[in-house]
C-alpha cells in the first residue's frame, strides 16, 4: 500500500484550488448516515477523513467527531476549516495511519466515506477488526463499498478534472478499480478492492461484524455526462454498508 500517501497527497494538490469547504453533498452524506444508523447517536469516528468537510459538517450539527487522516496536507486543510467554522460539537483531528493509530475511546458510529479497499482482503479484515474494537456494543459501522460491476463497466473511461487528465481502469484478476491522475509526465494511481454484498459477507468472517443493511449510491452516465443520485444496486458506483457486532461476538 505504498501508493496511498503519495496518491492522496498528489490528488489533493491537483484539485485543492477548487475546494470550497463543506457543502450540500456533505449534508446529504450526514443525512444518509443518520438514516442508516436508525437511532440517535452522539460520537462519530471518521476514518480517511480527507480534508474534513464531512467531519466539519457533523460537528457543526452538534456531533462529537474524531477524524483520522494520514496525509499531512489534508490534515492542515482540515485544521484550517475547523478554525473557519463555528462548531457545536467537538472535533478531534488525528493525523495518522488507521492501521496503527491508538484510539482509547469507543464510538456510537464509525464511518469510512469513499476509499475503503486500499489494501488486500487481509488488510481489510485487519481494519474491520480494529473498527469492531472501537465500536460501542450498540453502535454501527457505515462504509462506502465500491461495486465491481460498475467499475468493470467504465474501464477505459477518461475525463478532464480542470486541466488534468483522469482515467479509470479495472483489474479483473484482483477485482480492483484503478483511478489514474495525470500531471504532465507524472501520474499517480488509486487502487481499491471492490466487493459485492456477498463478497463483503465473506470478508466479515472472523471480524466480529455482520452486514445488516445496504444503501445504493448514485452513478455517473458517461454517455450523457449526467450524475443520477438514486439508482438501483445493479447500476450503482458504490453502496453504503451497515455493519453491527455479530451475535455472540462480544
C-alpha atoms as a PDB file:
ATOM      1  CA  UNK A   1       0.000   0.000   0.000  1.00  0.00           C
ATOM      2  CA  UNK A   2       2.986   2.313  -0.547  1.00  0.00           C
ATOM      3  CA  UNK A   3       0.953   4.261  -3.111  1.00  0.00           C
ATOM      4  CA  UNK A   4      -1.591   5.568  -0.586  1.00  0.00           C
ATOM      5  CA  UNK A   5       0.133   8.649   0.867  1.00  0.00           C
ATOM      6  CA  UNK A   6       1.606   9.666  -2.491  1.00  0.00           C
ATOM      7  CA  UNK A   7      -1.705   9.361  -4.364  1.00  0.00           C
ATOM      8  CA  UNK A   8      -3.920  11.191  -1.894  1.00  0.00           C
ATOM      9  CA  UNK A   9      -1.395  13.979  -1.379  1.00  0.00           C
ATOM     10  CA  UNK A  10      -0.972  14.441  -5.144  1.00  0.00           C
ATOM     11  CA  UNK A  11      -4.736  14.274  -5.737  1.00  0.00           C
ATOM     12  CA  UNK A  12      -5.262  16.954  -3.084  1.00  0.00           C
ATOM     13  CA  UNK A  13      -2.630  19.213  -4.654  1.00  0.00           C
ATOM     14  CA  UNK A  14      -4.280  18.858  -8.074  1.00  0.00           C
ATOM     15  CA  UNK A  15      -7.777  19.898  -7.015  1.00  0.00           C
ATOM     16  CA  UNK A  16      -7.299  21.935  -3.807  1.00  0.00           C
ATOM     17  CA  UNK A  17      -7.720  25.287  -5.588  1.00  0.00           C
ATOM     18  CA  UNK A  18     -11.330  24.365  -6.349  1.00  0.00           C
ATOM     19  CA  UNK A  19     -12.241  23.370  -2.799  1.00  0.00           C
ATOM     20  CA  UNK A  20     -14.943  25.411  -1.109  1.00  0.00           C
ATOM     21  CA  UNK A  21     -15.296  23.575   2.203  1.00  0.00           C
ATOM     22  CA  UNK A  22     -18.425  21.784   3.454  1.00  0.00           C
ATOM     23  CA  UNK A  23     -21.409  21.892   1.107  1.00  0.00           C
ATOM     24  CA  UNK A  24     -24.783  20.251   0.435  1.00  0.00           C
ATOM     25  CA  UNK A  25     -23.118  16.985  -0.596  1.00  0.00           C
ATOM     26  CA  UNK A  26     -21.666  16.562   2.902  1.00  0.00           C
ATOM     27  CA  UNK A  27     -25.015  17.395   4.478  1.00  0.00           C
ATOM     28  CA  UNK A  28     -26.604  14.688   2.315  1.00  0.00           C
ATOM     29  CA  UNK A  29     -23.974  12.183   3.472  1.00  0.00           C
ATOM     30  CA  UNK A  30     -24.737  13.049   7.088  1.00  0.00           C
ATOM     31  CA  UNK A  31     -28.463  12.587   6.457  1.00  0.00           C
ATOM     32  CA  UNK A  32     -27.765   9.171   4.915  1.00  0.00           C
ATOM     33  CA  UNK A  33     -25.694   8.176   7.952  1.00  0.00           C
ATOM     34  CA  UNK A  34     -28.376   9.379  10.368  1.00  0.00           C
ATOM     35  CA  UNK A  35     -30.994   7.385   8.443  1.00  0.00           C
ATOM     36  CA  UNK A  36     -28.965   4.171   8.264  1.00  0.00           C
ATOM     37  CA  UNK A  37     -27.915   4.404  11.921  1.00  0.00           C
ATOM     38  CA  UNK A  38     -31.678   4.284  12.644  1.00  0.00           C
ATOM     39  CA  UNK A  39     -31.367   5.641  16.205  1.00  0.00           C
ATOM     40  CA  UNK A  40     -29.916   8.710  17.940  1.00  0.00           C
ATOM     41  CA  UNK A  41     -26.152   8.837  18.461  1.00  0.00           C
ATOM     42  CA  UNK A  42     -23.548  11.357  19.601  1.00  0.00           C
ATOM     43  CA  UNK A  43     -19.991  10.237  18.841  1.00  0.00           C
ATOM     44  CA  UNK A  44     -18.572   9.604  15.356  1.00  0.00           C
ATOM     45  CA  UNK A  45     -15.216   8.203  14.291  1.00  0.00           C
ATOM     46  CA  UNK A  46     -14.396   9.007  10.671  1.00  0.00           C
ATOM     47  CA  UNK A  47     -11.562   7.077   9.041  1.00  0.00           C
ATOM     48  CA  UNK A  48      -9.837   8.550   5.999  1.00  0.00           C
ATOM     49  CA  UNK A  49     -11.356  11.950   6.733  1.00  0.00           C
ATOM     50  CA  UNK A  50      -9.640  13.710   3.810  1.00  0.00           C
ATOM     51  CA  UNK A  51      -9.965  17.481   4.035  1.00  0.00           C
ATOM     52  CA  UNK A  52     -12.505  17.186   6.844  1.00  0.00           C
ATOM     53  CA  UNK A  53     -15.573  18.527   5.060  1.00  0.00           C
ATOM     54  CA  UNK A  54     -17.844  15.796   6.419  1.00  0.00           C
ATOM     55  CA  UNK A  55     -16.315  15.969   9.900  1.00  0.00           C
ATOM     56  CA  UNK A  56     -16.903  19.732   9.996  1.00  0.00           C
ATOM     57  CA  UNK A  57     -20.493  19.268   8.786  1.00  0.00           C
ATOM     58  CA  UNK A  58     -21.212  16.736  11.548  1.00  0.00           C
ATOM     59  CA  UNK A  59     -19.533  18.820  14.273  1.00  0.00           C
ATOM     60  CA  UNK A  60     -21.497  21.911  13.178  1.00  0.00           C
ATOM     61  CA  UNK A  61     -24.674  19.928  13.787  1.00  0.00           C
ATOM     62  CA  UNK A  62     -23.570  19.015  17.313  1.00  0.00           C
ATOM     63  CA  UNK A  63     -21.918  15.617  16.921  1.00  0.00           C
ATOM     64  CA  UNK A  64     -18.606  14.845  18.615  1.00  0.00           C
ATOM     65  CA  UNK A  65     -16.262  13.742  15.831  1.00  0.00           C
ATOM     66  CA  UNK A  66     -12.835  12.127  15.852  1.00  0.00           C
ATOM     67  CA  UNK A  67     -11.353  12.381  12.350  1.00  0.00           C
ATOM     68  CA  UNK A  68      -8.355  10.224  11.369  1.00  0.00           C
ATOM     69  CA  UNK A  69      -6.360  11.226   8.273  1.00  0.00           C
ATOM     70  CA  UNK A  70      -2.961  10.044   7.051  1.00  0.00           C
ATOM     71  CA  UNK A  71      -1.990  12.790   4.586  1.00  0.00           C
ATOM     72  CA  UNK A  72      -0.442  15.860   6.177  1.00  0.00           C
ATOM     73  CA  UNK A  73      -1.642  18.339   3.538  1.00  0.00           C
ATOM     74  CA  UNK A  74      -5.225  17.225   4.074  1.00  0.00           C
ATOM     75  CA  UNK A  75      -4.855  17.429   7.857  1.00  0.00           C
ATOM     76  CA  UNK A  76      -3.607  21.018   7.513  1.00  0.00           C
ATOM     77  CA  UNK A  77      -6.651  21.869   5.384  1.00  0.00           C
ATOM     78  CA  UNK A  78      -8.958  20.258   7.967  1.00  0.00           C
ATOM     79  CA  UNK A  79      -7.420  22.355  10.720  1.00  0.00           C
ATOM     80  CA  UNK A  80      -7.947  25.458   8.581  1.00  0.00           C
ATOM     81  CA  UNK A  81     -11.631  24.571   8.128  1.00  0.00           C
ATOM     82  CA  UNK A  82     -12.007  23.960  11.852  1.00  0.00           C
ATOM     83  CA  UNK A  83     -10.783  27.484  12.560  1.00  0.00           C
ATOM     84  CA  UNK A  84     -13.166  28.951   9.980  1.00  0.00           C
ATOM     85  CA  UNK A  85     -16.386  27.340  11.212  1.00  0.00           C
ATOM     86  CA  UNK A  86     -18.395  27.591  14.412  1.00  0.00           C
ATOM     87  CA  UNK A  87     -18.756  24.075  15.768  1.00  0.00           C
ATOM     88  CA  UNK A  88     -21.379  22.991  18.266  1.00  0.00           C
ATOM     89  CA  UNK A  89     -19.877  19.547  18.812  1.00  0.00           C
ATOM     90  CA  UNK A  90     -16.249  18.601  19.400  1.00  0.00           C
ATOM     91  CA  UNK A  91     -13.831  17.875  16.547  1.00  0.00           C
ATOM     92  CA  UNK A  92     -10.680  15.910  17.336  1.00  0.00           C
ATOM     93  CA  UNK A  93      -8.248  15.797  14.398  1.00  0.00           C
ATOM     94  CA  UNK A  94      -5.878  12.813  14.439  1.00  0.00           C
ATOM     95  CA  UNK A  95      -3.026  12.645  11.932  1.00  0.00           C
ATOM     96  CA  UNK A  96      -2.025   9.032  11.495  1.00  0.00           C
ATOM     97  CA  UNK A  97      -2.448   5.630   9.876  1.00  0.00           C
ATOM     98  CA  UNK A  98      -5.714   3.984  10.906  1.00  0.00           C
ATOM     99  CA  UNK A  99      -3.963   0.601  10.752  1.00  0.00           C
ATOM    100  CA  UNK A 100      -1.619   1.753  13.528  1.00  0.00           C
ATOM    101  CA  UNK A 101      -3.209   4.658  15.423  1.00  0.00           C
ATOM    102  CA  UNK A 102      -4.152   4.119  19.073  1.00  0.00           C
ATOM    103  CA  UNK A 103      -7.708   5.210  19.868  1.00  0.00           C
ATOM    104  CA  UNK A 104      -8.563   4.763  23.569  1.00  0.00           C
ATOM    105  CA  UNK A 105     -12.234   5.771  23.120  1.00  0.00           C
ATOM    106  CA  UNK A 106     -15.231   3.913  21.719  1.00  0.00           C
ATOM    107  CA  UNK A 107     -17.817   5.367  19.360  1.00  0.00           C
ATOM    108  CA  UNK A 108     -21.523   5.201  18.526  1.00  0.00           C
ATOM    109  CA  UNK A 109     -20.891   5.362  14.771  1.00  0.00           C
ATOM    110  CA  UNK A 110     -17.761   4.616  12.776  1.00  0.00           C
ATOM    111  CA  UNK A 111     -17.785   5.713   9.157  1.00  0.00           C
ATOM    112  CA  UNK A 112     -15.439   5.357   6.195  1.00  0.00           C
ATOM    113  CA  UNK A 113     -16.744   7.531   3.371  1.00  0.00           C
ATOM    114  CA  UNK A 114     -15.266   6.720  -0.033  1.00  0.00           C
ATOM    115  CA  UNK A 115     -11.927   4.917  -0.194  1.00  0.00           C
ATOM    116  CA  UNK A 116     -12.434   1.556   1.552  1.00  0.00           C
ATOM    117  CA  UNK A 117     -10.400  -1.199  -0.083  1.00  0.00           C
ATOM    118  CA  UNK A 118      -6.911   0.302  -0.239  1.00  0.00           C
ATOM    119  CA  UNK A 119      -5.302  -2.992   0.790  1.00  0.00           C
ATOM    120  CA  UNK A 120      -5.904  -6.669   0.096  1.00  0.00           C
ATOM    121  CA  UNK A 121      -8.522  -8.808   1.848  1.00  0.00           C
ATOM    122  CA  UNK A 122      -6.208  -9.468   4.791  1.00  0.00           C
ATOM    123  CA  UNK A 123      -5.614  -5.728   5.244  1.00  0.00           C
ATOM    124  CA  UNK A 124      -9.340  -5.004   5.091  1.00  0.00           C
ATOM    125  CA  UNK A 125     -10.067  -7.702   7.686  1.00  0.00           C
ATOM    126  CA  UNK A 126      -7.405  -6.248   9.977  1.00  0.00           C
ATOM    127  CA  UNK A 127      -9.039  -2.837   9.716  1.00  0.00           C
ATOM    128  CA  UNK A 128     -12.529  -4.214  10.268  1.00  0.00           C
ATOM    129  CA  UNK A 129     -11.369  -5.972  13.453  1.00  0.00           C
ATOM    130  CA  UNK A 130      -9.886  -2.694  14.676  1.00  0.00           C
ATOM    131  CA  UNK A 131     -13.160  -0.925  13.889  1.00  0.00           C
ATOM    132  CA  UNK A 132     -15.068  -3.585  15.804  1.00  0.00           C
ATOM    133  CA  UNK A 133     -12.895  -2.914  18.858  1.00  0.00           C
ATOM    134  CA  UNK A 134     -13.538   0.841  18.632  1.00  0.00           C
ATOM    135  CA  UNK A 135     -17.307   0.395  18.367  1.00  0.00           C
ATOM    136  CA  UNK A 136     -19.739   0.632  21.263  1.00  0.00           C
ATOM    137  CA  UNK A 137     -21.781  -2.568  21.764  1.00  0.00           C
ATOM    138  CA  UNK A 138     -24.958  -0.951  20.390  1.00  0.00           C
ATOM    139  CA  UNK A 139     -23.183   1.087  17.710  1.00  0.00           C
ATOM    140  CA  UNK A 140     -22.815   0.620  13.955  1.00  0.00           C
ATOM    141  CA  UNK A 141     -20.201   0.928  11.235  1.00  0.00           C
ATOM    142  CA  UNK A 142     -21.102   2.596   7.923  1.00  0.00           C
ATOM    143  CA  UNK A 143     -18.732   2.095   4.985  1.00  0.00           C
ATOM    144  CA  UNK A 144     -18.865   3.074   1.310  1.00  0.00           C
ATOM    145  CA  UNK A 145     -18.071  -0.053  -0.733  1.00  0.00           C
ATOM    146  CA  UNK A 146     -17.166   0.184  -4.419  1.00  0.00           C
ATOM    147  CA  UNK A 147     -19.335  -2.015  -6.652  1.00  0.00           C
ATOM    148  CA  UNK A 148     -17.304  -4.239  -9.032  1.00  0.00           C
ATOM    149  CA  UNK A 149     -19.940  -4.343 -11.781  1.00  0.00           C
ATOM    150  CA  UNK A 150     -19.912  -0.558 -12.195  1.00  0.00           C
ATOM    151  CA  UNK A 151     -16.148  -0.129 -12.226  1.00  0.00           C
ATOM    152  CA  UNK A 152     -15.665  -3.004 -14.659  1.00  0.00           C
ATOM    153  CA  UNK A 153     -18.179  -1.332 -16.985  1.00  0.00           C
ATOM    154  CA  UNK A 154     -16.357   2.039 -17.057  1.00  0.00           C
ATOM    155  CA  UNK A 155     -12.824   0.698 -17.582  1.00  0.00           C
ATOM    156  CA  UNK A 156     -11.017   2.939 -20.081  1.00  0.00           C
ATOM    157  CA  UNK A 157     -13.166   5.996 -19.335  1.00  0.00           C
ATOM    158  CA  UNK A 158     -11.237   9.283 -19.478  1.00  0.00           C
ATOM    159  CA  UNK A 159     -12.213  12.749 -18.272  1.00  0.00           C
ATOM    160  CA  UNK A 160     -10.683  16.133 -17.540  1.00  0.00           C
ATOM    161  CA  UNK A 161     -10.545  17.500 -13.994  1.00  0.00           C
ATOM    162  CA  UNK A 162      -9.689  21.134 -14.600  1.00  0.00           C
ATOM    163  CA  UNK A 163      -6.664  20.908 -16.873  1.00  0.00           C
ATOM    164  CA  UNK A 164      -5.668  17.411 -15.702  1.00  0.00           C
ATOM    165  CA  UNK A 165      -6.499  14.074 -17.313  1.00  0.00           C
ATOM    166  CA  UNK A 166      -8.092  11.336 -15.219  1.00  0.00           C
ATOM    167  CA  UNK A 167      -8.603   7.736 -16.400  1.00  0.00           C
ATOM    168  CA  UNK A 168     -10.430   4.723 -14.946  1.00  0.00           C
ATOM    169  CA  UNK A 169      -9.387   1.105 -15.425  1.00  0.00           C
ATOM    170  CA  UNK A 170     -10.201  -2.216 -13.789  1.00  0.00           C
ATOM    171  CA  UNK A 171      -8.004  -5.066 -12.564  1.00  0.00           C
ATOM    172  CA  UNK A 172     -10.256  -8.032 -13.339  1.00  0.00           C
ATOM    173  CA  UNK A 173      -7.940 -10.597 -11.737  1.00  0.00           C
ATOM    174  CA  UNK A 174      -7.928  -8.877  -8.345  1.00  0.00           C
ATOM    175  CA  UNK A 175     -11.306  -7.080  -8.639  1.00  0.00           C
ATOM    176  CA  UNK A 176      -9.857  -3.603  -8.123  1.00  0.00           C
ATOM    177  CA  UNK A 177     -10.836  -0.254  -9.609  1.00  0.00           C
ATOM    178  CA  UNK A 178      -7.886   1.793 -10.855  1.00  0.00           C
ATOM    179  CA  UNK A 179      -8.081   5.596 -10.902  1.00  0.00           C
ATOM    180  CA  UNK A 180      -5.126   7.365 -12.511  1.00  0.00           C
ATOM    181  CA  UNK A 181      -4.497  11.125 -12.397  1.00  0.00           C
ATOM    182  CA  UNK A 182      -2.042  12.603 -14.903  1.00  0.00           C
ATOM    183  CA  UNK A 183       0.046  15.723 -14.321  1.00  0.00           C
ATOM    184  CA  UNK A 184       2.392  16.240 -17.247  1.00  0.00           C
ATOM    185  CA  UNK A 185       4.816  13.322 -17.315  1.00  0.00           C
ATOM    186  CA  UNK A 186       3.849  12.302 -13.791  1.00  0.00           C
ATOM    187  CA  UNK A 187       0.878  10.114 -12.871  1.00  0.00           C
ATOM    188  CA  UNK A 188      -0.461   8.549  -9.688  1.00  0.00           C
ATOM    189  CA  UNK A 189      -2.962   5.699  -9.375  1.00  0.00           C
ATOM    190  CA  UNK A 190      -5.512   4.789  -6.740  1.00  0.00           C
ATOM    191  CA  UNK A 191      -6.301   1.069  -6.465  1.00  0.00           C
ATOM    192  CA  UNK A 192      -9.362  -0.005  -4.463  1.00  0.00           C
ATOM    193  CA  UNK A 193     -10.695  -3.529  -3.913  1.00  0.00           C
ATOM    194  CA  UNK A 194     -14.362  -3.787  -4.941  1.00  0.00           C
ATOM    195  CA  UNK A 195     -16.820  -6.080  -3.153  1.00  0.00           C
ATOM    196  CA  UNK A 196     -20.275  -7.346  -3.975  1.00  0.00           C
ATOM    197  CA  UNK A 197     -22.513  -7.684  -0.888  1.00  0.00           C
ATOM    198  CA  UNK A 198     -21.844 -11.437  -0.874  1.00  0.00           C
ATOM    199  CA  UNK A 199     -18.089 -10.851  -1.123  1.00  0.00           C
ATOM    200  CA  UNK A 200     -18.378  -8.433   1.783  1.00  0.00           C
ATOM    201  CA  UNK A 201     -20.177 -11.024   3.900  1.00  0.00           C
ATOM    202  CA  UNK A 202     -17.291 -13.442   3.334  1.00  0.00           C
ATOM    203  CA  UNK A 203     -14.774 -10.726   4.189  1.00  0.00           C
ATOM    204  CA  UNK A 204     -16.553 -10.165   7.506  1.00  0.00           C
ATOM    205  CA  UNK A 205     -15.963 -13.736   8.700  1.00  0.00           C
ATOM    206  CA  UNK A 206     -13.956 -13.715  11.937  1.00  0.00           C
ATOM    207  CA  UNK A 207     -14.148  -9.919  12.264  1.00  0.00           C
ATOM    208  CA  UNK A 208     -16.931  -9.879  14.880  1.00  0.00           C
ATOM    209  CA  UNK A 209     -19.172  -7.947  12.492  1.00  0.00           C
ATOM    210  CA  UNK A 210     -22.164  -8.723  10.314  1.00  0.00           C
ATOM    211  CA  UNK A 211     -23.830  -6.947   7.395  1.00  0.00           C
ATOM    212  CA  UNK A 212     -27.403  -5.874   8.181  1.00  0.00           C
ATOM    213  CA  UNK A 213     -28.280  -3.226   5.590  1.00  0.00           C
ATOM    214  CA  UNK A 214     -27.090  -1.544   2.397  1.00  0.00           C
ATOM    215  CA  UNK A 215     -27.958   1.726   0.694  1.00  0.00           C
ATOM    216  CA  UNK A 216     -27.079   2.061  -3.027  1.00  0.00           C
ATOM    217  CA  UNK A 217     -25.226   5.199  -4.055  1.00  0.00           C
ATOM    218  CA  UNK A 218     -25.511   7.085  -7.309  1.00  0.00           C
ATOM    219  CA  UNK A 219     -23.971   6.595 -10.752  1.00  0.00           C
ATOM    220  CA  UNK A 220     -22.462   8.694 -13.496  1.00  0.00           C
ATOM    221  CA  UNK A 221     -23.723   8.098 -17.039  1.00  0.00           C
ATOM    222  CA  UNK A 222     -20.680   8.832 -19.186  1.00  0.00           C
ATOM    223  CA  UNK A 223     -22.709   8.834 -22.401  1.00  0.00           C
ATOM    224  CA  UNK A 224     -24.732  11.850 -21.246  1.00  0.00           C
ATOM    225  CA  UNK A 225     -22.342  13.108 -18.541  1.00  0.00           C
ATOM    226  CA  UNK A 226     -25.210  13.195 -16.078  1.00  0.00           C
ATOM    227  CA  UNK A 227     -24.992  12.034 -12.474  1.00  0.00           C
ATOM    228  CA  UNK A 228     -28.001  10.124 -11.137  1.00  0.00           C
ATOM    229  CA  UNK A 229     -28.314  10.354  -7.358  1.00  0.00           C
ATOM    230  CA  UNK A 230     -30.653   7.390  -6.832  1.00  0.00           C
ATOM    231  CA  UNK A 231     -30.163   4.201  -8.832  1.00  0.00           C
ATOM    232  CA  UNK A 232     -30.715   0.502  -8.207  1.00  0.00           C
ATOM    233  CA  UNK A 233     -27.877  -1.502  -6.688  1.00  0.00           C
ATOM    234  CA  UNK A 234     -27.037  -3.183 -10.001  1.00  0.00           C
ATOM    235  CA  UNK A 235     -26.257   0.253 -11.507  1.00  0.00           C
ATOM    236  CA  UNK A 236     -24.587   1.953  -8.528  1.00  0.00           C
ATOM    237  CA  UNK A 237     -20.955   3.051  -8.330  1.00  0.00           C
ATOM    238  CA  UNK A 238     -20.945   2.105  -4.665  1.00  0.00           C
ATOM    239  CA  UNK A 239     -23.205   1.246  -1.755  1.00  0.00           C
ATOM    240  CA  UNK A 240     -23.079   2.137   1.918  1.00  0.00           C
ATOM    241  CA  UNK A 241     -22.907  -0.987   4.083  1.00  0.00           C
ATOM    242  CA  UNK A 242     -24.180  -1.038   7.666  1.00  0.00           C
ATOM    243  CA  UNK A 243     -22.232  -3.383   9.956  1.00  0.00           C
ATOM    244  CA  UNK A 244     -23.036  -4.232  13.562  1.00  0.00           C
ATOM    245  CA  UNK A 245     -21.490  -6.569  16.133  1.00  0.00           C
ATOM    246  CA  UNK A 246     -22.393 -10.160  15.347  1.00  0.00           C
ATOM    247  CA  UNK A 247     -24.326 -12.307  17.786  1.00  0.00           C
ATOM    248  CA  UNK A 248     -22.016 -13.902  20.346  1.00  0.00           C
ATOM    249  CA  UNK A 249     -19.039 -11.768  19.255  1.00  0.00           C
ATOM    250  CA  UNK A 250     -18.903  -9.702  22.435  1.00  0.00           C
END
